């Protein structure tokens, strides 16, 4: 019974960041595209197809690639932190049972590894994107 209530609690805690993130992603993805001026030839026609406030490239500082990877890495990091909390709760309520203590320690260890991987992936993605974009 306790495990079920803990899972429900963790699912509720996870819903809040997902709702906040979905609101911010909706602002990035659902921007309208309106044609502004097509009278200037091919160059003006190509730039008029771009919506207001949308990036002109995929890999720039405000590029779509970097936004998507940052959002994905944020989700991975948030889930790893929640699993760290979950492992701590499991360790606390294990009651000294060796099997439950080992399982809780493994959860904590893998959560820490997940946090480290998320931080390193964030650093690598930002390094590669800044190295590839012209200044």
Protein backbone atom coordinates (compact mmCIF):
# COMPACT_ATOMS: atom_id res chain seq x y z
CA UNK A 1 0.00 0.00 0.00
CA UNK A 2 2.86 2.38 0.81
CA UNK A 3 4.56 1.78 -2.56
CA UNK A 4 1.38 2.67 -4.42
CA UNK A 5 0.95 5.91 -2.51
CA UNK A 6 4.63 6.80 -3.08
CA UNK A 7 4.27 6.17 -6.81
CA UNK A 8 1.16 8.35 -6.93
CA UNK A 9 3.01 11.09 -5.04
CA UNK A 10 5.98 10.95 -7.40
CA UNK A 11 3.69 10.98 -10.44
CA UNK A 12 1.98 14.08 -9.07
CA UNK A 13 5.33 15.77 -8.48
CA UNK A 14 6.39 14.94 -12.04
CA UNK A 15 3.22 16.39 -13.57
CA UNK A 16 3.96 19.96 -12.43
CA UNK A 17 7.25 20.42 -14.35
CA UNK A 18 5.79 18.70 -17.39
CA UNK A 19 2.82 21.08 -17.41
CA UNK A 20 5.11 24.10 -17.07
CA UNK A 21 7.41 22.79 -19.78
CA UNK A 22 4.54 22.08 -22.15
CA UNK A 23 3.35 25.66 -21.78
CA UNK A 24 6.80 26.98 -22.71
CA UNK A 25 7.19 24.51 -25.60
CA UNK A 26 3.78 25.52 -26.97
CA UNK A 27 5.08 29.07 -27.29
CA UNK A 28 8.11 27.85 -29.25
CA UNK A 29 6.37 25.39 -31.56
CA UNK A 30 3.04 27.04 -32.27
CA UNK A 31 4.19 30.34 -33.73
CA UNK A 32 2.18 31.45 -36.76
CA UNK A 33 3.90 31.98 -40.10
CA UNK A 34 2.60 34.89 -42.17
CA UNK A 35 3.88 36.06 -45.55
CA UNK A 36 5.06 39.65 -45.24
CA UNK A 37 6.25 40.85 -48.64
CA UNK A 38 6.90 38.84 -51.77
CA UNK A 39 7.39 41.78 -54.17
CA UNK A 40 11.19 41.87 -53.87
CA UNK A 41 11.99 38.69 -55.80
CA UNK A 42 13.43 35.40 -54.63
CA UNK A 43 15.42 36.83 -51.71
CA UNK A 44 12.45 38.71 -50.29
CA UNK A 45 10.14 35.75 -50.89
CA UNK A 46 12.45 33.41 -49.01
CA UNK A 47 12.70 35.73 -46.02
CA UNK A 48 8.98 36.49 -46.00
CA UNK A 49 8.14 32.82 -45.43
CA UNK A 50 9.85 33.04 -42.05
CA UNK A 51 7.46 33.78 -39.20
CA UNK A 52 7.90 36.60 -36.73
CA UNK A 53 10.30 35.70 -33.95
CA UNK A 54 11.44 32.41 -35.50
CA UNK A 55 15.13 31.62 -35.77
CA UNK A 56 16.74 31.73 -39.17
CA UNK A 57 18.96 28.71 -38.58
CA UNK A 58 18.84 25.37 -36.82
CA UNK A 59 22.10 25.57 -34.90
CA UNK A 60 22.46 29.21 -33.76
CA UNK A 61 22.30 30.43 -30.19
CA UNK A 62 18.53 30.60 -30.53
CA UNK A 63 18.33 27.64 -32.93
CA UNK A 64 15.62 25.03 -32.83
CA UNK A 65 18.12 22.19 -32.37
CA UNK A 66 19.55 23.73 -29.23
CA UNK A 67 16.11 24.47 -27.77
CA UNK A 68 14.88 20.92 -28.35
CA UNK A 69 18.01 19.34 -26.89
CA UNK A 70 17.96 21.65 -23.88
CA UNK A 71 14.32 20.76 -23.20
CA UNK A 72 15.05 17.03 -23.54
CA UNK A 73 18.08 17.29 -21.25
CA UNK A 74 16.01 19.27 -18.72
CA UNK A 75 13.45 16.47 -18.67
CA UNK A 76 16.17 13.84 -18.21
CA UNK A 77 17.71 15.82 -15.36
CA UNK A 78 14.33 16.37 -13.68
CA UNK A 79 13.51 12.67 -13.87
CA UNK A 80 16.94 11.79 -12.45
CA UNK A 81 16.44 14.17 -9.52
CA UNK A 82 12.99 12.70 -8.85
CA UNK A 83 14.48 9.20 -8.93
CA UNK A 84 17.12 10.35 -6.45
CA UNK A 85 14.35 11.50 -4.10
CA UNK A 86 12.46 8.25 -4.71
CA UNK A 87 15.58 6.22 -3.87
CA UNK A 88 16.03 8.21 -0.68
CA UNK A 89 12.45 7.54 0.33
CA UNK A 90 12.89 3.82 -0.44
CA UNK A 91 16.08 3.78 1.63
CA UNK A 92 14.32 5.48 4.54
CA UNK A 93 11.34 3.13 4.59
CA UNK A 94 13.33 -0.05 3.90
CA UNK A 95 13.22 -0.99 7.57
CA UNK A 96 16.68 -2.57 7.53
CA UNK A 97 15.73 -5.28 5.02
CA UNK A 98 18.93 -6.03 3.08
CA UNK A 99 17.12 -6.57 -0.23
CA UNK A 100 15.23 -3.27 -0.02
CA UNK A 101 18.34 -1.36 1.13
CA UNK A 102 20.32 -2.69 -1.84
CA UNK A 103 17.53 -1.79 -4.27
CA UNK A 104 17.31 1.72 -2.81
CA UNK A 105 21.09 2.20 -3.02
CA UNK A 106 21.03 1.08 -6.65
CA UNK A 107 18.23 3.56 -7.41
CA UNK A 108 20.24 6.37 -5.81
CA UNK A 109 23.42 5.35 -7.66
CA UNK A 110 21.69 5.21 -11.06
CA UNK A 111 19.95 8.53 -10.40
CA UNK A 112 23.30 10.18 -9.67
CA UNK A 113 24.74 8.65 -12.84
CA UNK A 114 21.72 10.03 -14.74
CA UNK A 115 22.29 13.52 -13.35
CA UNK A 116 25.97 13.41 -14.31
CA UNK A 117 25.14 12.18 -17.82
CA UNK A 118 22.52 14.92 -18.26
CA UNK A 119 24.98 17.63 -17.17
CA UNK A 120 27.72 16.29 -19.44
CA UNK A 121 25.32 15.99 -22.38
CA UNK A 122 24.19 19.59 -21.85
CA UNK A 123 27.81 20.77 -21.82
CA UNK A 124 28.71 18.75 -24.93
CA UNK A 125 25.67 19.93 -26.91
CA UNK A 126 26.31 23.57 -26.07
CA UNK A 127 30.02 23.24 -26.87
CA UNK A 128 29.33 21.61 -30.25
CA UNK A 129 26.63 24.12 -31.18
CA UNK A 130 28.80 27.12 -30.29
CA UNK A 131 31.77 25.58 -32.13
CA UNK A 132 29.79 24.96 -35.31
CA UNK A 133 28.03 28.31 -35.54
CA UNK A 134 29.88 31.17 -37.18
CA UNK A 135 30.50 34.21 -34.99
